[in-house]
Protein backbone atom coordinates (compact mmCIF):
# COMPACT_ATOMS: atom_id res chain seq x y z
CA UNK A 1 133.60 111.36 103.34
CA UNK A 2 136.37 113.93 103.07
CA UNK A 3 134.42 115.86 100.49
CA UNK A 4 131.33 115.79 102.71
CA UNK A 5 133.30 117.03 105.72
CA UNK A 6 134.78 119.78 103.54
CA UNK A 7 131.27 120.79 102.45
CA UNK A 8 130.20 121.05 106.09
CA UNK A 9 133.24 123.12 107.01
CA UNK A 10 132.54 125.49 104.12
CA UNK A 11 128.97 126.06 105.28
CA UNK A 12 127.39 124.27 102.33
CA UNK A 13 125.52 121.75 104.46
CA UNK A 14 121.80 121.94 103.54
CA UNK A 15 119.41 123.32 106.20
CA UNK A 16 117.97 120.95 108.78
CA UNK A 17 114.91 119.12 107.45
CA UNK A 18 115.93 119.60 103.80
CA UNK A 19 117.22 116.44 102.04
CA UNK A 20 120.80 116.48 100.77
CA UNK A 21 121.38 116.04 97.04
CA UNK A 22 121.87 112.38 95.99
CA UNK A 23 125.46 111.30 95.51
CA UNK A 24 125.03 110.70 91.79
CA UNK A 25 123.91 114.30 91.30
CA UNK A 26 127.12 115.77 92.67
CA UNK A 27 129.53 116.89 89.98
CA UNK A 28 133.16 117.77 89.76
CA UNK A 29 134.31 121.28 90.63
CA UNK A 30 133.64 123.95 88.03
CA UNK A 31 137.22 123.64 86.72
CA UNK A 32 136.56 120.15 85.33
CA UNK A 33 134.30 121.19 82.42
CA UNK A 34 136.85 123.88 81.58
CA UNK A 35 139.59 121.21 81.46
CA UNK A 36 137.53 119.12 79.06
CA UNK A 37 136.97 122.19 76.92
CA UNK A 38 140.70 123.03 76.84
CA UNK A 39 141.52 119.46 75.84
CA UNK A 40 138.94 119.57 73.07
CA UNK A 41 140.32 122.88 71.81
CA UNK A 42 143.88 121.47 71.68
CA UNK A 43 142.65 118.48 69.70
CA UNK A 44 140.85 120.74 67.25
CA UNK A 45 143.97 122.88 66.82
CA UNK A 46 146.05 119.76 66.15
CA UNK A 47 143.45 118.51 63.68
CA UNK A 48 143.46 121.93 62.01
CA UNK A 49 147.20 122.54 61.66
CA UNK A 50 148.51 118.98 61.19
CA UNK A 51 147.30 118.71 57.55
CA UNK A 52 149.19 121.89 56.68
CA UNK A 53 152.34 120.42 58.23
CA UNK A 54 151.98 117.17 56.30
CA UNK A 55 151.34 119.12 53.09
CA UNK A 56 154.46 121.26 53.61
CA UNK A 57 156.67 118.22 54.31
CA UNK A 58 155.28 116.43 51.25
CA UNK A 59 155.86 119.46 49.01
CA UNK A 60 159.46 119.91 50.21
CA UNK A 61 160.29 116.24 49.55
CA UNK A 62 158.51 116.19 46.19
CA UNK A 63 160.27 119.32 44.92
CA UNK A 64 163.64 118.69 46.61
CA UNK A 65 164.05 115.16 45.33
CA UNK A 66 162.97 115.92 41.79
CA UNK A 67 162.37 115.66 39.01
CA UNK A 68 163.50 119.21 38.40
CA UNK A 69 161.16 120.19 35.63
CA UNK A 70 159.33 123.50 35.64
CA UNK A 71 155.98 121.98 34.70
CA UNK A 72 156.25 119.35 37.46
CA UNK A 73 157.23 121.91 40.05
CA UNK A 74 154.43 124.26 38.97
CA UNK A 75 151.81 121.52 39.15
CA UNK A 76 153.05 120.36 42.57
CA UNK A 77 153.04 123.88 43.99
CA UNK A 78 149.68 124.71 42.38
CA UNK A 79 147.92 121.57 43.69
CA UNK A 80 149.46 122.07 47.15
CA UNK A 81 148.26 125.68 47.24
CA UNK A 82 144.79 124.61 46.09
CA UNK A 83 144.65 121.93 48.82
CA UNK A 84 145.74 124.48 51.45
CA UNK A 85 143.11 126.97 50.29
CA UNK A 86 140.46 124.24 50.26
CA UNK A 87 141.31 123.33 53.83
CA UNK A 88 141.25 126.98 54.85
CA UNK A 89 138.02 128.16 53.30
CA UNK A 90 135.92 125.02 52.90
CA UNK A 91 136.65 123.52 56.31
CA UNK A 92 133.61 122.43 58.37
CA UNK A 93 133.78 122.61 62.20
CA UNK A 94 133.74 119.36 64.14
CA UNK A 95 131.35 117.98 65.15
CA UNK A 96 129.41 118.83 62.04
CA UNK A 97 126.58 121.25 62.90
CA UNK A 98 123.04 120.24 62.04
CA UNK A 99 122.09 121.27 58.53
CA UNK A 100 125.70 121.34 57.24
CA UNK A 101 126.08 117.68 56.31
CA UNK A 102 125.99 118.54 52.60
CA UNK A 103 128.86 121.02 52.96
CA UNK A 104 130.86 118.38 54.87
CA UNK A 105 130.40 115.86 52.06
CA UNK A 106 131.48 118.41 49.43
CA UNK A 107 134.49 119.40 51.56
CA UNK A 108 135.64 115.78 51.96
CA UNK A 109 135.12 114.96 48.27
CA UNK A 110 137.26 117.93 47.25
CA UNK A 111 139.93 117.02 49.81
CA UNK A 112 140.11 113.45 48.47
CA UNK A 113 140.46 114.79 44.93
CA UNK A 114 143.49 116.84 46.00
CA UNK A 115 144.98 113.89 47.93
CA UNK A 116 144.61 111.45 44.99
CA UNK A 117 145.94 114.03 42.50
CA UNK A 118 149.00 114.87 44.59
CA UNK A 119 149.84 111.19 45.28
CA UNK A 120 149.52 110.40 41.55
CA UNK A 121 151.92 113.30 40.97
CA UNK A 122 154.43 112.12 43.58
CA UNK A 123 154.21 109.34 46.20
CA UNK A 124 155.82 111.63 48.78
CA UNK A 125 152.47 113.37 49.11
CA UNK A 126 151.41 110.35 51.15
CA UNK A 127 152.49 112.40 54.16
CA UNK A 128 149.53 114.61 53.34
CA UNK A 129 147.25 111.69 52.50
CA UNK A 130 146.63 110.75 56.17
CA UNK A 131 144.53 113.93 56.37
CA UNK A 132 141.66 111.95 54.84
CA UNK A 133 141.53 109.74 57.96
CA UNK A 134 141.36 112.77 60.23
CA UNK A 135 138.55 114.43 58.32
CA UNK A 136 136.41 111.25 57.93
CA UNK A 137 134.72 112.09 61.24
CA UNK A 138 132.95 115.02 59.52
CA UNK A 139 130.96 112.66 57.30
CA UNK A 140 127.69 110.92 58.20
CA UNK A 141 128.20 107.44 59.67
CA UNK A 142 127.09 105.64 56.50
CA UNK A 143 129.69 107.47 54.35
CA UNK A 144 132.69 106.79 56.58
CA UNK A 145 133.50 103.21 55.33
CA UNK A 146 133.70 104.17 51.61
CA UNK A 147 135.64 107.33 52.48
CA UNK A 148 138.20 105.33 54.50
CA UNK A 149 138.44 102.78 51.66
CA UNK A 150 139.23 105.49 49.08
CA UNK A 151 141.80 107.08 51.38
CA UNK A 152 143.36 103.66 52.10
CA UNK A 153 143.68 103.05 48.33
CA UNK A 154 145.44 106.38 47.88
CA UNK A 155 147.77 105.73 50.82
CA UNK A 156 148.59 102.22 49.48
CA UNK A 157 149.46 103.79 46.13
CA UNK A 158 151.90 106.08 47.92
CA UNK A 159 153.38 103.14 49.83
CA UNK A 160 154.10 101.06 46.66
CA UNK A 161 155.93 104.00 45.10
CA UNK A 162 153.33 105.37 42.71
CA UNK A 163 151.43 104.24 39.64
CA UNK A 164 154.60 103.16 37.82
CA UNK A 165 155.00 100.22 40.19
CA UNK A 166 151.51 98.80 39.58
CA UNK A 167 152.61 95.81 37.50
CA UNK A 168 153.47 92.22 38.19
CA UNK A 169 153.99 91.57 41.91
CA UNK A 170 153.42 95.24 42.60
CA UNK A 171 149.68 94.78 42.04
CA UNK A 172 149.46 92.07 44.69
CA UNK A 173 151.44 94.21 47.10
CA UNK A 174 149.15 97.14 46.38
CA UNK A 175 146.01 95.09 47.07
CA UNK A 176 147.50 93.79 50.31
CA UNK A 177 148.44 97.30 51.41
CA UNK A 178 144.92 98.54 50.62
CA UNK A 179 143.45 95.84 52.85
CA UNK A 180 145.95 96.50 55.64
CA UNK A 181 145.31 100.22 55.49
CA UNK A 182 141.57 99.69 55.53
CA UNK A 183 141.77 97.41 58.57
CA UNK A 184 144.41 99.19 60.61
CA UNK A 185 143.71 102.79 59.68
CA UNK A 186 139.97 102.15 59.64
CA UNK A 187 140.03 100.59 63.10
CA UNK A 188 142.15 103.41 64.50
CA UNK A 189 139.93 106.02 62.84
CA UNK A 190 136.73 104.47 64.14
CA UNK A 191 138.21 104.05 67.62
CA UNK A 192 139.27 107.69 67.66
CA UNK A 193 135.85 108.86 66.47
CA UNK A 194 134.01 106.72 69.06
CA UNK A 195 136.30 107.83 71.88
CA UNK A 196 135.82 111.46 70.91
CA UNK A 197 132.06 111.03 70.84
CA UNK A 198 132.11 109.32 74.26
CA UNK A 199 134.18 112.16 75.62
CA UNK A 200 131.70 114.67 74.27
CA UNK A 201 128.78 112.74 75.75
CA UNK A 202 130.55 112.70 79.11
CA UNK A 203 131.13 116.44 78.86
CA UNK A 204 127.45 117.02 78.06
CA UNK A 205 126.43 114.75 80.94
CA UNK A 206 128.71 116.68 83.30
CA UNK A 207 127.18 119.94 82.13
CA UNK A 208 123.67 118.55 82.61
CA UNK A 209 124.53 117.22 86.07
CA UNK A 210 126.07 120.56 87.00
CA UNK A 211 122.88 122.31 85.90
CA UNK A 212 120.76 119.79 87.80
CA UNK A 213 122.92 120.31 90.89
CA UNK A 214 122.53 124.07 90.56
CA UNK A 215 118.74 123.77 90.27
CA UNK A 216 118.73 121.39 93.23
CA UNK A 217 120.66 123.90 95.35
CA UNK A 218 118.19 126.61 94.38
CA UNK A 219 115.26 124.31 95.24
CA UNK A 220 116.84 123.43 98.58
CA UNK A 221 117.33 127.10 99.37
CA UNK A 222 113.73 127.80 98.41
CA UNK A 223 112.51 124.87 100.51
CA UNK A 224 114.53 126.14 103.44
CA UNK A 225 112.76 129.49 103.12
CA UNK A 226 109.36 127.79 102.90
CA UNK A 227 110.21 125.63 105.90
CA UNK A 228 111.12 128.69 107.95
CA UNK A 229 107.91 130.39 106.81
CA UNK A 230 105.81 127.36 107.81
CA UNK A 231 107.49 127.22 111.20
CA UNK A 232 106.74 130.90 111.72
CA UNK A 233 103.11 130.47 110.67
CA UNK A 234 102.71 127.44 112.95
CA UNK A 235 104.18 129.40 115.85
CA UNK A 236 101.86 132.33 115.17
CA UNK A 237 98.84 129.99 114.90
CA UNK A 238 99.79 128.38 118.21
CA UNK A 239 100.09 131.80 119.83
CA UNK A 240 96.69 132.80 118.44
CA UNK A 241 95.06 129.58 119.69
CA UNK A 242 96.58 130.08 123.12
CA UNK A 243 95.36 133.67 123.19
CA UNK A 244 91.85 132.54 122.33
CA UNK A 245 91.99 129.87 125.02
CA UNK A 246 93.22 132.32 127.63
CA UNK A 247 90.60 134.86 126.57
CA UNK A 248 87.87 132.28 127.10
CA UNK A 249 89.33 131.19 130.43
CA UNK A 250 89.67 134.78 131.66
CA UNK A 251 86.10 135.55 130.61
CA UNK A 252 84.76 132.41 132.27
CA UNK A 253 86.70 132.83 135.52
CA UNK A 254 88.15 136.22 136.34
CA UNK A 255 85.55 138.35 134.55
CA UNK A 256 82.62 136.46 136.05
CA UNK A 257 84.25 136.40 139.47
CA UNK A 258 84.86 140.14 139.37
CA UNK A 259 81.27 140.70 138.29
CA UNK A 260 80.05 138.72 141.29
CA UNK A 261 82.40 140.59 143.63
CA UNK A 262 81.18 143.96 142.33
CA UNK A 263 77.58 142.83 142.75
CA UNK A 264 78.17 141.76 146.39
CA UNK A 265 80.06 144.95 147.26
CA UNK A 266 77.29 147.09 145.77
CA UNK A 267 74.75 145.09 147.80
CA UNK A 268 76.82 145.61 150.96
CA UNK A 269 76.80 149.37 150.37
CA UNK A 270 73.01 149.32 150.27
CA UNK A 271 72.80 147.73 153.73
CA UNK A 272 74.88 150.12 155.81
CA UNK A 273 72.06 150.21 158.38
CA UNK A 274 71.89 146.41 158.57
CA UNK A 275 75.33 145.14 159.74
CA UNK A 276 74.30 141.48 159.55
CA UNK A 277 73.30 141.57 155.86
CA UNK A 278 76.25 143.82 155.04
CA UNK A 279 78.63 141.29 156.63
CA UNK A 280 77.04 138.44 154.67
CA UNK A 281 77.54 140.24 151.33
CA UNK A 282 81.13 141.11 152.22
CA UNK A 283 81.81 137.49 153.13
CA UNK A 284 80.37 136.36 149.77
CA UNK A 285 82.58 138.91 148.00
CA UNK A 286 85.68 137.56 149.79
CA UNK A 287 84.76 133.98 148.91
CA UNK A 288 84.25 134.92 145.25
CA UNK A 289 87.63 136.65 145.22
CA UNK A 290 89.36 133.52 146.54
CA UNK A 291 87.57 131.27 144.08
CA UNK A 292 88.38 133.61 141.18
CA UNK A 293 92.06 133.62 142.16
CA UNK A 294 92.09 129.80 142.28
CA UNK A 295 90.35 129.59 138.89
CA UNK A 296 92.85 132.04 137.40
CA UNK A 297 95.73 129.87 138.56
CA UNK A 298 94.08 126.74 137.17
CA UNK A 299 93.45 128.47 133.85
CA UNK A 300 97.10 129.45 133.57
CA UNK A 301 98.02 125.79 134.10
CA UNK A 302 95.30 124.67 131.59
CA UNK A 303 93.57 122.53 134.24
CA UNK A 304 89.92 121.62 134.59
CA UNK A 305 87.58 123.97 136.45
CA UNK A 306 87.83 123.66 140.21
CA UNK A 307 84.32 122.24 140.80
CA UNK A 308 85.03 119.46 138.30
CA UNK A 309 88.17 118.54 140.25
CA UNK A 310 86.32 118.16 143.55
CA UNK A 311 82.92 116.83 142.33
CA UNK A 312 82.45 113.23 141.27
CA UNK A 313 81.48 114.27 137.72
CA UNK A 314 79.51 116.87 135.83
CA UNK A 315 76.10 116.64 137.61
CA UNK A 316 77.71 117.20 141.01
CA UNK A 317 79.73 120.16 139.72
CA UNK A 318 76.64 121.74 138.15
CA UNK A 319 74.67 121.21 141.35
CA UNK A 320 77.37 123.03 143.37
CA UNK A 321 77.44 125.78 140.74
CA UNK A 322 73.65 126.25 140.93
CA UNK A 323 73.78 126.45 144.73
CA UNK A 324 76.61 129.01 144.78
CA UNK A 325 75.03 131.07 142.00
CA UNK A 326 71.73 131.25 143.93
CA UNK A 327 73.56 132.56 146.97
CA UNK A 328 75.51 135.22 145.06
CA UNK A 329 72.77 136.35 142.64
CA UNK A 330 69.72 136.03 144.88
CA UNK A 331 67.84 134.34 142.03
CA UNK A 332 66.38 130.91 142.68
CA UNK A 333 67.60 128.25 140.23
CA UNK A 334 66.27 124.72 139.93
CA UNK A 335 68.66 122.01 138.70
CA UNK A 336 67.56 118.63 137.35
CA UNK A 337 69.27 115.62 135.77
CA UNK A 338 67.38 113.32 133.39
CA UNK A 339 68.59 110.02 131.99
CA UNK A 340 71.41 107.84 133.26
CA UNK A 341 74.34 110.07 134.13
CA UNK A 342 77.72 108.73 132.95
CA UNK A 343 81.17 110.30 133.27
CA UNK A 344 82.25 112.12 130.13
CA UNK A 345 85.74 112.94 128.82
CA UNK A 346 87.19 116.03 130.53
CA UNK A 347 86.96 118.18 127.39
CA UNK A 348 83.19 117.57 127.09
CA UNK A 349 82.51 118.16 130.79
CA UNK A 350 84.57 121.38 130.77
CA UNK A 351 82.66 122.66 127.72
CA UNK A 352 79.26 122.01 129.34
CA UNK A 353 80.38 123.41 132.73
CA UNK A 354 81.69 126.62 131.15
CA UNK A 355 78.45 126.94 129.18
CA UNK A 356 76.46 126.68 132.41
CA UNK A 357 78.70 129.31 134.03
CA UNK A 358 78.25 131.74 131.14
CA UNK A 359 74.50 131.11 130.90
CA UNK A 360 73.93 131.80 134.60
CA UNK A 361 76.20 134.85 134.46
CA UNK A 362 74.18 136.28 131.57
CA UNK A 363 70.94 135.69 133.49
CA UNK A 364 72.31 137.61 136.47
CA UNK A 365 73.59 140.50 134.34
CA UNK A 366 71.01 140.94 131.62
CA UNK A 367 67.83 138.89 132.09
CA UNK A 368 66.16 140.63 135.04
CA UNK A 369 64.74 137.21 135.90
CA UNK A 370 63.06 136.07 139.12
CA UNK A 371 63.59 132.37 138.50
CA UNK A 372 65.94 130.18 136.47
CA UNK A 373 66.27 126.54 135.64
CA UNK A 374 69.04 124.18 134.52
CA UNK A 375 68.53 120.70 133.09
CA UNK A 376 71.23 118.13 132.20
CA UNK A 377 69.81 115.43 129.92
CA UNK A 378 71.66 112.18 129.07
CA UNK A 379 70.64 110.20 125.99
CA UNK A 380 72.34 107.51 123.94
CA UNK A 381 73.57 109.98 121.35
CA UNK A 382 73.95 113.38 122.99
CA UNK A 383 74.21 115.06 126.37
CA UNK A 384 72.19 118.28 126.42
CA UNK A 385 72.48 121.13 128.93
CA UNK A 386 69.55 123.59 128.99
CA UNK A 387 69.75 126.88 130.89
CA UNK A 388 66.50 128.93 130.95
CA UNK A 389 65.01 131.91 132.72
CA UNK A 390 61.75 133.91 132.88
CA UNK A 391 63.45 137.23 132.23
CA UNK A 392 62.95 139.96 129.65
CA UNK A 393 64.38 137.96 126.76
CA UNK A 394 65.95 139.42 123.60
CA UNK A 395 66.00 139.12 119.82
CA UNK A 396 68.01 135.91 119.35
CA UNK A 397 68.25 136.28 115.55
CA UNK A 398 69.75 139.77 115.84
CA UNK A 399 72.18 138.52 118.49
CA UNK A 400 73.33 135.76 116.14
CA UNK A 401 74.26 138.33 113.49
CA UNK A 402 75.89 140.84 115.85
CA UNK A 403 79.65 140.97 116.42
CA UNK A 404 81.14 141.16 119.94
CA UNK A 405 81.49 144.77 121.05
CA UNK A 406 84.77 146.44 121.94
CA UNK A 407 83.84 146.50 125.64
CA UNK A 408 83.61 142.69 125.70
CA UNK A 409 79.82 142.36 125.59
CA UNK A 410 78.80 139.51 123.31
CA UNK A 411 82.11 137.65 123.68
CA UNK A 412 80.57 135.05 126.01
CA UNK A 413 78.23 133.58 123.41
CA UNK A 414 81.02 133.52 120.82
CA UNK A 415 83.36 131.77 123.25
CA UNK A 416 80.67 129.22 124.12
CA UNK A 417 80.10 128.36 120.45
CA UNK A 418 83.81 128.02 119.77
CA UNK A 419 84.38 125.85 122.84
CA UNK A 420 81.48 123.54 121.95
CA UNK A 421 82.47 123.37 118.29
CA UNK A 422 85.98 122.23 119.27
CA UNK A 423 84.53 119.14 120.97
CA UNK A 424 81.98 118.38 118.24
CA UNK A 425 79.07 120.06 120.01
CA UNK A 426 76.60 122.81 119.16
CA UNK A 427 74.83 125.72 120.79
CA UNK A 428 71.27 126.90 120.15
CA UNK A 429 69.49 129.92 121.65
CA UNK A 430 65.77 130.61 121.63
CA UNK A 431 64.47 133.87 123.01
CA UNK A 432 62.04 136.66 122.29
CA UNK A 433 61.44 139.99 124.02
CA UNK A 434 59.30 139.40 127.14
CA UNK A 435 59.32 135.59 126.75
CA UNK A 436 62.49 134.57 128.61
CA UNK A 437 65.46 132.70 127.17
CA UNK A 438 66.43 129.07 126.60
CA UNK A 439 70.09 128.26 125.96
CA UNK A 440 70.77 124.67 124.87
CA UNK A 441 74.22 123.09 124.46
CA UNK A 442 74.65 119.57 123.10
CA UNK A 443 77.77 117.38 122.96
CA UNK A 444 78.29 113.77 121.80
CA UNK A 445 77.48 111.18 124.48
CA UNK A 446 80.96 109.66 124.55
CA UNK A 447 81.63 107.63 127.74
CA UNK A 448 84.85 108.26 129.59
CA UNK A 449 86.00 104.66 129.17
CA UNK A 450 84.56 101.70 127.21
CA UNK A 451 82.63 99.12 129.18
CA UNK A 452 83.78 95.50 129.52
CA UNK A 453 81.26 94.34 126.93
CA UNK A 454 82.28 96.94 124.38
CA UNK A 455 82.59 95.08 121.06
CA UNK A 456 85.31 97.48 119.86
CA UNK A 457 85.29 99.93 117.02
CA UNK A 458 83.00 99.17 114.19
CA UNK A 459 83.44 99.98 110.53
CA UNK A 460 81.76 103.35 110.91
CA UNK A 461 83.60 104.35 114.10
CA UNK A 462 86.58 106.61 114.50
CA UNK A 463 89.23 106.64 117.24
CA UNK A 464 89.95 109.74 119.30
CA UNK A 465 93.43 110.87 120.37
CA UNK A 466 93.13 109.11 123.75
CA UNK A 467 92.20 105.75 122.18
CA UNK A 468 88.41 105.91 122.63
CA UNK A 469 85.91 105.20 119.86
CA UNK A 470 83.38 107.78 118.72
CA UNK A 471 80.47 106.85 116.40
CA UNK A 472 81.12 108.35 113.00
CA UNK A 473 77.80 110.15 112.53
CA UNK A 474 76.67 113.77 112.65
CA UNK A 475 76.16 115.25 116.09
CA UNK A 476 72.48 116.13 116.42
CA UNK A 477 71.73 119.73 117.08
CA UNK A 478 70.20 120.60 120.38
CA UNK A 479 66.50 119.67 120.30
CA UNK A 480 65.08 123.10 120.90
CA UNK A 481 61.68 123.89 119.46
CA UNK A 482 58.46 125.57 120.48
CA UNK A 483 57.60 122.65 122.75
CA UNK A 484 60.81 123.12 124.75
CA UNK A 485 59.94 126.71 125.62
CA UNK A 486 56.40 125.66 126.38
CA UNK A 487 55.23 123.12 128.93
CA UNK A 488 58.45 121.05 128.89
CA UNK A 489 60.71 123.79 130.28
CA UNK A 490 58.13 125.97 131.91
CA UNK A 491 57.36 123.05 134.23
CA UNK A 492 60.72 123.62 135.87
CA UNK A 493 59.82 127.26 136.46
CA UNK A 494 56.37 126.44 137.78
CA UNK A 495 57.04 123.46 140.08
CA UNK A 496 58.20 125.22 143.12
CA UNK A 497 61.40 127.04 142.18
């Protein structure tokens, strides 16, 4: 806990949302591996210089205590110098590097030859004989027991006083000392080797954990950057979606309201000589201005269109819209409802209502029509809104390919498609120059709330965000074909509009 609080105070706490490194991945401070390395270096220095010390002590005792013969002294000094040179130039680093096992075996064999020769010369060289135990770790594992046995035999020979004492009871003592040396010295040697290897494994593990911790910190820093980038992208996407929503709302409310106001003011200017008609157009302009202001406020608050708030459901709102549009545009519009009307979710009703608004606005601005019609059809699978007129028409295929212009023309159709697509609907347009226009919008026929006999979601159903169930099947496209622009729709235009 103290270490964790220290990490927080030092600013090393990982960023919010990024998981902290597991406890077993944390390692000691960087000084710890250095301490292990210093300890290992001191052990290697001791292992390196201790044989020279034992050799020097042995040589001093062997020469100082006699015998004082020139040949003996020369042999003792010569073998000691040879052993020192062998240690100096034939030494193999510990642990034995890969591929140098053969050199280690040769080095140890030569060292044992010097040890046995010096002990045969004088038992005092037993002080140098323990070097064989120290260097046994250089050998492969399978060669260590025989090497320790040979070194134990040489050390036992030193302990019984040399070869001259190998007779009578001296032989039994020698054999016992060999066994004791093999057990005691062998156990100590093996324990030292195993402990050293465990220490080295721990050091390697610490190094690996330190590297893993370093990579984890780098990954956490990278994840923090990615997290910040994702948050920024999500914020930008939300801003873009809100801009698109507001653009559609402004187009459907303020822009259309201003268009109607301009139309009424222009009409009022044409009737300066007729005060009664001029007053009527001015009154319509004022009413449109108030309604546009109310719609703008509702759009800012992301509410439903005003007519949908006051009308019982979509048919009533569309009927009010048709009546108001006839008054402001001067174009007669006939509105019909077919099928059993049911309340729809707000998102679907808003999409169809905005489509009707945009369709009627386009008729007033571009169609040059004398009559218009609007049909709301309820079926078991889809609810279809058709808006048609007997105006000049246009090339629908070319309009599909065209992009919205910089002055805003063409944005209405794009906004209608996007709005309908968001609720799983579709938009189809059929028109030709001189043949009028039919605009058809279809949405899934999803009831506002399930009935009491609703059996619940089936295996092929999906649940919406508000808990309702929607059949999991493709939404049919609006059934527009040649027959719809023929007698089926023309009947609306011809039956007394």
